């Protein structure tokens, strides 16, 4: 009977070790994506705070203006220079 208990404890410890390693590796995989999202959100937050700071320094109220962001490609700028 003692031999059976010893084998049962060894199997139980092995199962716990395998489960904990599985959980640990899965937790690390998702951590990289959340860190990227967190960094991007912090950069956007900092950008808005700096824009608001510079606007208040220059006495500009953003309620009076519409802010539009566009991406300028190399092709459109070349077309403008050719005309």
Protein backbone atom coordinates (compact mmCIF):
# COMPACT_ATOMS: atom_id res chain seq x y z
CA UNK A 1 0.00 0.00 0.00
CA UNK A 2 2.86 2.41 0.77
CA UNK A 3 4.34 1.70 -2.63
CA UNK A 4 1.01 2.62 -4.28
CA UNK A 5 0.86 5.94 -2.32
CA UNK A 6 4.41 6.81 -3.34
CA UNK A 7 3.65 6.18 -7.02
CA UNK A 8 0.44 8.23 -6.75
CA UNK A 9 2.34 11.17 -5.21
CA UNK A 10 5.00 11.03 -7.94
CA UNK A 11 2.34 11.00 -10.66
CA UNK A 12 0.49 13.88 -8.96
CA UNK A 13 3.67 15.97 -8.76
CA UNK A 14 4.44 15.23 -12.41
CA UNK A 15 0.94 16.32 -13.48
CA UNK A 16 1.17 19.54 -11.46
CA UNK A 17 4.61 20.30 -12.93
CA UNK A 18 3.42 19.75 -16.50
CA UNK A 19 0.31 21.89 -16.00
CA UNK A 20 2.25 24.73 -14.41
CA UNK A 21 4.82 24.73 -17.25
CA UNK A 22 2.02 24.76 -19.81
CA UNK A 23 0.30 27.70 -18.14
CA UNK A 24 3.60 29.58 -17.81
CA UNK A 25 4.50 29.19 -21.50
CA UNK A 26 1.02 30.24 -22.66
CA UNK A 27 1.11 33.32 -20.44
CA UNK A 28 4.43 34.42 -21.97
CA UNK A 29 3.15 34.14 -25.55
CA UNK A 30 0.36 36.68 -25.05
CA UNK A 31 2.56 39.05 -23.10
CA UNK A 32 4.45 40.27 -26.17
CA UNK A 33 1.33 41.42 -27.99
CA UNK A 34 -0.09 43.23 -25.00
CA UNK A 35 3.20 45.04 -24.45
CA UNK A 36 3.15 46.34 -28.03
CA UNK A 37 -0.42 47.56 -27.62
CA UNK A 38 0.44 49.17 -24.30
CA UNK A 39 3.44 50.99 -25.77
CA UNK A 40 1.40 52.28 -28.70
CA UNK A 41 -1.35 53.54 -26.43
CA UNK A 42 1.19 55.28 -24.20
CA UNK A 43 2.78 56.96 -27.22
CA UNK A 44 -0.63 58.18 -28.44
CA UNK A 45 -1.45 59.48 -24.96
CA UNK A 46 1.86 61.33 -24.76
CA UNK A 47 1.33 62.77 -28.23
CA UNK A 48 -2.07 64.17 -27.34
CA UNK A 49 -0.76 65.66 -24.12
CA UNK A 50 2.13 67.35 -25.95
CA UNK A 51 -0.17 68.71 -28.66
CA UNK A 52 -2.48 70.13 -26.01
CA UNK A 53 0.47 71.64 -24.14
CA UNK A 54 1.86 73.35 -27.24
CA UNK A 55 -1.59 74.56 -28.23
CA UNK A 56 -2.12 76.16 -24.84
CA UNK A 57 1.31 77.77 -25.06
CA UNK A 58 0.37 79.31 -28.41
CA UNK A 59 -3.19 80.21 -27.33
CA UNK A 60 -4.77 77.83 -29.84
CA UNK A 61 -8.03 76.16 -28.97
CA UNK A 62 -8.64 72.86 -30.70
CA UNK A 63 -12.39 73.39 -30.53
CA UNK A 64 -12.06 76.01 -33.27
CA UNK A 65 -10.17 73.74 -35.67
CA UNK A 66 -10.56 70.36 -37.32
CA UNK A 67 -7.42 68.27 -37.21
CA UNK A 68 -7.02 65.97 -40.20
CA UNK A 69 -4.11 63.59 -40.61
CA UNK A 70 -3.25 62.34 -44.08
CA UNK A 71 -0.43 60.20 -45.32
CA UNK A 72 1.65 61.71 -48.10
CA UNK A 73 3.03 59.22 -50.56
CA UNK A 74 5.98 59.75 -52.85
CA UNK A 75 3.86 59.36 -55.98
CA UNK A 76 1.53 62.25 -55.18
CA UNK A 77 4.39 64.61 -54.42
CA UNK A 78 6.11 63.68 -57.72
CA UNK A 79 2.92 64.35 -59.66
CA UNK A 80 2.62 67.78 -58.11
CA UNK A 81 6.17 68.72 -59.06
CA UNK A 82 5.70 67.59 -62.69
CA UNK A 83 2.67 69.81 -63.24
